[in-house]
Amino acid sequence: MVNNQTMEEKIIQFLSADTFAVAGASTNRDKYGNKILRCYQQHGRRVIPVNPKADMIEGLPCAASVTELPSEVQSLSIITPPKITEQIVEQAILRGIKNIWMQPGAQSPAAISRCEEADINVIADGSCLLVVLGYHET
């Protein structure tokens, strides 16, 4: 399927979700997986961190994997190495996620192709959620 949406339209669709998840969420406040999580919090968004090794991050209970996310999660930010991103995309397809934003450095051609094949709205052009929403260190 050919998607003729502009990147701005893709971002608007991604951000229109009620609940978000962050795959690659980190307990380390210096890592982007933590900054993305806090960015959602700063903007009053409901967000669920995904981390198989942590129970809580920034006061939020973690899901161990994307497949464990509740059904209201429709938009997923991915901040992982490309090989892990490819695995997360497969989980997201199984879970029925509608929107995926691969943060700069997380994307891979294979992961992007799988999203397109599954008719997922994918943002993987180097756009950064922190820039789009306007993140500030706290």
N, C-alpha and C. Protein backbone atom coordinates (compact mmCIF):
# COMPACT_ATOMS: atom_id res chain seq x y z
N MET A 1 0.83 -1.19 0.00
CA MET A 1 0.00 0.00 0.00
C MET A 1 0.88 1.25 0.00
N VAL A 2 0.54 2.20 -0.82
CA VAL A 2 1.29 3.45 -0.88
C VAL A 2 0.67 4.44 0.09
N ASN A 3 1.50 4.96 0.97
CA ASN A 3 1.02 5.93 1.94
C ASN A 3 1.47 7.30 1.49
N ASN A 4 0.51 8.15 1.15
CA ASN A 4 0.83 9.48 0.63
C ASN A 4 0.79 10.57 1.70
N GLN A 5 0.72 10.17 2.96
CA GLN A 5 0.71 11.17 4.02
C GLN A 5 2.05 11.89 4.09
N THR A 6 2.00 13.17 4.42
CA THR A 6 3.23 13.89 4.69
C THR A 6 3.76 13.47 6.06
N MET A 7 5.02 13.77 6.33
CA MET A 7 5.57 13.43 7.64
C MET A 7 4.80 14.16 8.74
N GLU A 8 4.41 15.40 8.49
CA GLU A 8 3.63 16.14 9.48
C GLU A 8 2.31 15.43 9.78
N GLU A 9 1.64 14.91 8.75
CA GLU A 9 0.38 14.19 8.96
C GLU A 9 0.62 12.90 9.74
N LYS A 10 1.72 12.22 9.45
CA LYS A 10 2.06 10.99 10.17
C LYS A 10 2.28 11.30 11.66
N ILE A 11 2.98 12.41 11.94
CA ILE A 11 3.26 12.80 13.32
C ILE A 11 1.96 13.17 14.04
N ILE A 12 1.09 13.91 13.37
CA ILE A 12 -0.20 14.28 13.97
C ILE A 12 -1.00 13.02 14.30
N GLN A 13 -1.02 12.06 13.38
CA GLN A 13 -1.74 10.80 13.63
C GLN A 13 -1.12 10.07 14.82
N PHE A 14 0.21 10.00 14.87
CA PHE A 14 0.89 9.34 15.99
C PHE A 14 0.49 9.98 17.32
N LEU A 15 0.55 11.30 17.36
CA LEU A 15 0.30 12.03 18.61
C LEU A 15 -1.17 12.09 19.01
N SER A 16 -2.07 11.66 18.11
CA SER A 16 -3.50 11.71 18.43
C SER A 16 -3.95 10.55 19.31
N ALA A 17 -3.06 9.60 19.58
CA ALA A 17 -3.41 8.45 20.42
C ALA A 17 -3.69 8.89 21.86
N ASP A 18 -4.49 8.10 22.56
CA ASP A 18 -4.79 8.39 23.97
C ASP A 18 -3.67 7.90 24.88
N THR A 19 -3.05 6.79 24.51
CA THR A 19 -2.04 6.17 25.35
C THR A 19 -0.85 5.77 24.48
N PHE A 20 0.35 6.02 25.03
CA PHE A 20 1.60 5.75 24.33
C PHE A 20 2.42 4.73 25.11
N ALA A 21 3.38 4.13 24.42
CA ALA A 21 4.33 3.24 25.09
C ALA A 21 5.72 3.58 24.57
N VAL A 22 6.72 3.30 25.41
CA VAL A 22 8.11 3.55 25.05
C VAL A 22 8.89 2.25 25.19
N ALA A 23 9.24 1.64 24.04
CA ALA A 23 10.07 0.44 24.03
C ALA A 23 11.53 0.89 24.08
N GLY A 24 12.24 0.39 25.06
CA GLY A 24 13.61 0.85 25.28
C GLY A 24 13.66 1.89 26.38
N ALA A 25 12.56 2.00 27.15
CA ALA A 25 12.53 2.91 28.30
C ALA A 25 13.66 2.53 29.25
N SER A 26 14.33 3.53 29.78
CA SER A 26 15.50 3.30 30.63
C SER A 26 15.33 3.93 32.00
N THR A 27 15.92 3.28 32.99
CA THR A 27 15.94 3.86 34.34
C THR A 27 17.02 4.94 34.45
N ASN A 28 17.93 5.00 33.48
CA ASN A 28 19.02 5.99 33.46
C ASN A 28 18.51 7.28 32.85
N ARG A 29 18.45 8.35 33.66
CA ARG A 29 17.89 9.62 33.20
C ARG A 29 18.73 10.29 32.11
N ASP A 30 19.96 9.83 31.88
CA ASP A 30 20.79 10.39 30.81
C ASP A 30 20.51 9.75 29.46
N LYS A 31 19.79 8.65 29.44
CA LYS A 31 19.54 7.93 28.19
C LYS A 31 18.25 8.42 27.53
N TYR A 32 18.22 8.36 26.20
CA TYR A 32 17.05 8.84 25.46
C TYR A 32 15.80 8.02 25.77
N GLY A 33 15.97 6.75 26.12
CA GLY A 33 14.82 5.94 26.50
C GLY A 33 14.12 6.46 27.74
N ASN A 34 14.83 7.22 28.56
CA ASN A 34 14.22 7.86 29.73
C ASN A 34 13.69 9.24 29.36
N LYS A 35 14.44 9.98 28.57
CA LYS A 35 14.03 11.33 28.18
C LYS A 35 12.71 11.32 27.39
N ILE A 36 12.55 10.32 26.49
CA ILE A 36 11.31 10.20 25.72
C ILE A 36 10.13 9.96 26.67
N LEU A 37 10.33 9.08 27.63
CA LEU A 37 9.29 8.80 28.62
C LEU A 37 8.91 10.07 29.38
N ARG A 38 9.92 10.79 29.85
CA ARG A 38 9.65 12.03 30.60
C ARG A 38 9.02 13.10 29.71
N CYS A 39 9.34 13.10 28.42
CA CYS A 39 8.75 14.05 27.49
C CYS A 39 7.23 13.84 27.42
N TYR A 40 6.82 12.58 27.30
CA TYR A 40 5.38 12.29 27.31
C TYR A 40 4.75 12.78 28.62
N GLN A 41 5.43 12.52 29.74
CA GLN A 41 4.91 12.94 31.05
C GLN A 41 4.80 14.47 31.12
N GLN A 42 5.81 15.17 30.62
CA GLN A 42 5.79 16.64 30.64
C GLN A 42 4.61 17.21 29.88
N HIS A 43 4.14 16.46 28.90
CA HIS A 43 3.04 16.93 28.06
C HIS A 43 1.70 16.31 28.45
N GLY A 44 1.67 15.71 29.66
CA GLY A 44 0.42 15.19 30.21
C GLY A 44 -0.14 14.01 29.45
N ARG A 45 0.73 13.27 28.77
CA ARG A 45 0.28 12.10 28.01
C ARG A 45 0.34 10.85 28.89
N ARG A 46 -0.61 9.94 28.69
CA ARG A 46 -0.56 8.65 29.39
C ARG A 46 0.46 7.80 28.65
N VAL A 47 1.44 7.28 29.39
CA VAL A 47 2.53 6.54 28.77
C VAL A 47 2.92 5.34 29.62
N ILE A 48 3.29 4.26 28.95
CA ILE A 48 3.70 3.03 29.63
C ILE A 48 5.11 2.68 29.16
N PRO A 49 6.06 2.59 30.11
CA PRO A 49 7.41 2.17 29.72
C PRO A 49 7.45 0.67 29.46
N VAL A 50 8.26 0.27 28.47
CA VAL A 50 8.47 -1.15 28.17
C VAL A 50 9.94 -1.46 28.45
N ASN A 51 10.16 -2.30 29.46
CA ASN A 51 11.51 -2.69 29.83
C ASN A 51 11.42 -4.03 30.57
N PRO A 52 12.04 -5.08 30.01
CA PRO A 52 11.92 -6.40 30.64
C PRO A 52 12.69 -6.53 31.95
N LYS A 53 13.58 -5.57 32.26
CA LYS A 53 14.42 -5.69 33.45
C LYS A 53 14.03 -4.74 34.59
N ALA A 54 13.02 -3.90 34.36
CA ALA A 54 12.63 -2.93 35.39
C ALA A 54 11.15 -3.11 35.73
N ASP A 55 10.82 -2.86 37.00
CA ASP A 55 9.41 -2.89 37.41
C ASP A 55 8.77 -1.52 37.28
N MET A 56 9.56 -0.47 37.59
CA MET A 56 9.05 0.91 37.55
C MET A 56 10.11 1.81 36.94
N ILE A 57 9.67 2.77 36.14
CA ILE A 57 10.56 3.82 35.63
C ILE A 57 9.81 5.14 35.74
N GLU A 58 10.44 6.12 36.35
CA GLU A 58 9.84 7.44 36.54
C GLU A 58 8.45 7.34 37.19
N GLY A 59 8.31 6.40 38.13
CA GLY A 59 7.06 6.25 38.87
C GLY A 59 5.97 5.50 38.11
N LEU A 60 6.30 4.97 36.94
CA LEU A 60 5.31 4.26 36.13
C LEU A 60 5.62 2.77 36.10
N PRO A 61 4.61 1.92 36.25
CA PRO A 61 4.85 0.48 36.14
C PRO A 61 5.21 0.11 34.71
N CYS A 62 6.17 -0.79 34.57
CA CYS A 62 6.65 -1.21 33.25
C CYS A 62 5.91 -2.43 32.73
N ALA A 63 5.77 -2.48 31.42
CA ALA A 63 5.39 -3.71 30.74
C ALA A 63 6.70 -4.41 30.38
N ALA A 64 6.72 -5.73 30.48
CA ALA A 64 7.94 -6.47 30.18
C ALA A 64 8.20 -6.56 28.67
N SER A 65 7.11 -6.50 27.88
CA SER A 65 7.26 -6.55 26.43
C SER A 65 6.08 -5.83 25.77
N VAL A 66 6.23 -5.54 24.48
CA VAL A 66 5.16 -4.86 23.74
C VAL A 66 3.90 -5.72 23.71
N THR A 67 4.06 -7.03 23.67
CA THR A 67 2.88 -7.91 23.62
C THR A 67 2.05 -7.84 24.90
N GLU A 68 2.62 -7.33 25.98
CA GLU A 68 1.89 -7.22 27.25
C GLU A 68 1.18 -5.87 27.42
N LEU A 69 1.32 -4.98 26.45
CA LEU A 69 0.71 -3.66 26.58
C LEU A 69 -0.81 -3.76 26.50
N PRO A 70 -1.52 -2.89 27.26
CA PRO A 70 -2.98 -2.90 27.18
C PRO A 70 -3.45 -2.43 25.80
N SER A 71 -4.67 -2.78 25.44
CA SER A 71 -5.18 -2.52 24.09
C SER A 71 -5.29 -1.03 23.76
N GLU A 72 -5.40 -0.17 24.78
CA GLU A 72 -5.54 1.26 24.46
C GLU A 72 -4.25 1.89 23.93
N VAL A 73 -3.11 1.19 24.05
CA VAL A 73 -1.87 1.72 23.49
C VAL A 73 -1.92 1.56 21.97
N GLN A 74 -1.90 2.69 21.26
CA GLN A 74 -1.94 2.66 19.80
C GLN A 74 -0.67 3.25 19.17
N SER A 75 0.11 3.98 19.97
CA SER A 75 1.33 4.61 19.46
C SER A 75 2.52 4.17 20.30
N LEU A 76 3.58 3.74 19.61
CA LEU A 76 4.76 3.18 20.27
C LEU A 76 6.00 3.91 19.81
N SER A 77 6.75 4.46 20.77
CA SER A 77 8.07 5.02 20.49
C SER A 77 9.09 3.92 20.71
N ILE A 78 10.04 3.80 19.79
CA ILE A 78 11.08 2.77 19.92
C ILE A 78 12.44 3.45 20.00
N ILE A 79 13.17 3.15 21.07
CA ILE A 79 14.52 3.67 21.28
C ILE A 79 15.40 2.48 21.62
N THR A 80 15.70 1.67 20.62
CA THR A 80 16.51 0.47 20.82
C THR A 80 17.47 0.33 19.64
N PRO A 81 18.49 -0.52 19.77
CA PRO A 81 19.35 -0.79 18.60
C PRO A 81 18.51 -1.40 17.48
N PRO A 82 18.87 -1.16 16.21
CA PRO A 82 18.07 -1.62 15.07
C PRO A 82 17.66 -3.09 15.11
N LYS A 83 18.55 -3.99 15.51
CA LYS A 83 18.20 -5.42 15.55
C LYS A 83 17.08 -5.68 16.56
N ILE A 84 17.11 -4.98 17.68
CA ILE A 84 16.04 -5.11 18.69
C ILE A 84 14.76 -4.46 18.15
N THR A 85 14.90 -3.33 17.46
CA THR A 85 13.75 -2.65 16.87
C THR A 85 12.98 -3.62 15.98
N GLU A 86 13.71 -4.42 15.19
CA GLU A 86 13.05 -5.38 14.29
C GLU A 86 12.21 -6.37 15.08
N GLN A 87 12.70 -6.83 16.23
CA GLN A 87 11.93 -7.76 17.07
C GLN A 87 10.71 -7.05 17.67
N ILE A 88 10.90 -5.80 18.08
CA ILE A 88 9.80 -5.03 18.69
C ILE A 88 8.70 -4.77 17.67
N VAL A 89 9.08 -4.49 16.43
CA VAL A 89 8.09 -4.28 15.38
C VAL A 89 7.24 -5.53 15.20
N GLU A 90 7.85 -6.70 15.22
CA GLU A 90 7.08 -7.95 15.10
C GLU A 90 6.08 -8.08 16.25
N GLN A 91 6.51 -7.75 17.47
CA GLN A 91 5.61 -7.79 18.63
C GLN A 91 4.47 -6.78 18.44
N ALA A 92 4.81 -5.59 17.93
CA ALA A 92 3.81 -4.53 17.74
C ALA A 92 2.77 -4.95 16.71
N ILE A 93 3.20 -5.63 15.66
CA ILE A 93 2.27 -6.11 14.64
C ILE A 93 1.30 -7.11 15.27
N LEU A 94 1.83 -8.04 16.06
CA LEU A 94 0.97 -9.03 16.75
C LEU A 94 -0.01 -8.34 17.70
N ARG A 95 0.43 -7.29 18.34
CA ARG A 95 -0.37 -6.58 19.35
C ARG A 95 -1.38 -5.61 18.71
N GLY A 96 -1.20 -5.31 17.42
CA GLY A 96 -2.15 -4.42 16.74
C GLY A 96 -1.84 -2.95 16.92
N ILE A 97 -0.59 -2.61 17.21
CA ILE A 97 -0.18 -1.21 17.33
C ILE A 97 -0.38 -0.52 15.98
N LYS A 98 -0.91 0.70 15.99
CA LYS A 98 -1.23 1.41 14.74
C LYS A 98 -0.13 2.40 14.31
N ASN A 99 0.65 2.90 15.27
CA ASN A 99 1.63 3.94 14.99
C ASN A 99 2.95 3.61 15.66
N ILE A 100 4.05 3.70 14.90
CA ILE A 100 5.38 3.46 15.47
C ILE A 100 6.30 4.62 15.09
N TRP A 101 6.99 5.14 16.10
CA TRP A 101 7.98 6.20 15.89
C TRP A 101 9.33 5.62 16.29
N MET A 102 10.19 5.39 15.29
CA MET A 102 11.54 4.92 15.56
C MET A 102 12.42 6.15 15.74
N GLN A 103 12.92 6.31 16.94
CA GLN A 103 13.78 7.46 17.21
C GLN A 103 15.07 7.33 16.41
N PRO A 104 15.75 8.47 16.13
CA PRO A 104 16.99 8.41 15.35
C PRO A 104 17.96 7.38 15.93
N GLY A 105 18.45 6.50 15.07
CA GLY A 105 19.37 5.46 15.50
C GLY A 105 18.69 4.12 15.77
N ALA A 106 17.37 4.13 15.94
CA ALA A 106 16.64 2.88 16.22
C ALA A 106 16.16 2.20 14.93
N GLN A 107 16.06 2.97 13.87
CA GLN A 107 15.43 2.44 12.66
C GLN A 107 16.35 1.50 11.88
N SER A 108 15.69 0.60 11.15
CA SER A 108 16.41 -0.26 10.21
C SER A 108 15.51 -0.41 8.99
N PRO A 109 16.10 -0.61 7.81
CA PRO A 109 15.27 -0.80 6.61
C PRO A 109 14.27 -1.95 6.77
N ALA A 110 14.69 -3.04 7.39
CA ALA A 110 13.80 -4.19 7.57
C ALA A 110 12.62 -3.84 8.47
N ALA A 111 12.88 -3.12 9.55
CA ALA A 111 11.80 -2.74 10.48
C ALA A 111 10.82 -1.79 9.80
N ILE A 112 11.33 -0.85 9.03
CA ILE A 112 10.47 0.11 8.32
C ILE A 112 9.60 -0.64 7.31
N SER A 113 10.20 -1.56 6.55
CA SER A 113 9.46 -2.34 5.55
C SER A 113 8.34 -3.14 6.21
N ARG A 114 8.63 -3.76 7.35
CA ARG A 114 7.61 -4.56 8.05
C ARG A 114 6.45 -3.68 8.50
N CYS A 115 6.74 -2.49 8.97
CA CYS A 115 5.67 -1.56 9.36
C CYS A 115 4.79 -1.22 8.16
N GLU A 116 5.45 -0.91 7.04
CA GLU A 116 4.70 -0.55 5.84
C GLU A 116 3.84 -1.72 5.35
N GLU A 117 4.40 -2.93 5.38
CA GLU A 117 3.65 -4.12 4.98
C GLU A 117 2.43 -4.34 5.86
N ALA A 118 2.56 -4.03 7.14
CA ALA A 118 1.48 -4.24 8.11
C ALA A 118 0.55 -3.03 8.20
N ASP A 119 0.75 -2.05 7.32
CA ASP A 119 -0.10 -0.85 7.29
C ASP A 119 -0.03 -0.06 8.59
N ILE A 120 1.16 -0.02 9.17
CA ILE A 120 1.39 0.77 10.39
C ILE A 120 1.91 2.15 9.97
N ASN A 121 1.39 3.17 10.59
CA ASN A 121 1.90 4.53 10.39
C ASN A 121 3.28 4.58 11.03
N VAL A 122 4.33 4.70 10.20
CA VAL A 122 5.69 4.66 10.73
C VAL A 122 6.41 5.98 10.48
N ILE A 123 7.07 6.44 11.54
CA ILE A 123 7.92 7.64 11.48
C ILE A 123 9.34 7.17 11.74
N ALA A 124 10.19 7.27 10.72
CA ALA A 124 11.56 6.77 10.85
C ALA A 124 12.49 7.57 9.94
N ASP A 125 12.21 8.87 9.85
CA ASP A 125 12.98 9.72 8.94
C ASP A 125 14.03 10.55 9.66
N GLY A 126 14.28 10.22 10.94
CA GLY A 126 15.21 11.01 11.72
C GLY A 126 14.52 12.05 12.59
N SER A 127 13.19 12.17 12.45
CA SER A 127 12.44 13.08 13.33
C SER A 127 12.56 12.59 14.77
N CYS A 128 12.65 13.52 15.69
CA CYS A 128 12.80 13.17 17.11
C CYS A 128 11.62 13.72 17.90
N LEU A 129 10.99 12.86 18.67
CA LEU A 129 9.86 13.26 19.50
C LEU A 129 10.23 14.40 20.43
N LEU A 130 11.46 14.38 20.96
CA LEU A 130 11.89 15.42 21.90
C LEU A 130 11.86 16.80 21.24
N VAL A 131 12.18 16.85 19.96
CA VAL A 131 12.17 18.12 19.22
C VAL A 131 10.74 18.51 18.88
N VAL A 132 9.96 17.55 18.39
CA VAL A 132 8.60 17.83 17.95
C VAL A 132 7.74 18.32 19.12
N LEU A 133 7.80 17.63 20.25
CA LEU A 133 6.97 18.03 21.39
C LEU A 133 7.62 19.15 22.22
N GLY A 134 8.92 19.28 22.13
CA GLY A 134 9.60 20.29 22.93
C GLY A 134 9.88 19.79 24.33
N TYR A 135 10.99 19.10 24.47
CA TYR A 135 11.39 18.49 25.74
C TYR A 135 12.33 19.45 26.49
N HIS A 136 12.18 19.48 27.80
CA HIS A 136 13.14 20.23 28.62
C HIS A 136 13.56 19.38 29.82
N GLU A 137 14.84 19.42 30.12
CA GLU A 137 15.37 18.67 31.27
C GLU A 137 14.74 19.19 32.55
N THR A 138 14.42 18.25 33.46
CA THR A 138 13.87 18.64 34.75
C THR A 138 14.77 18.17 35.86
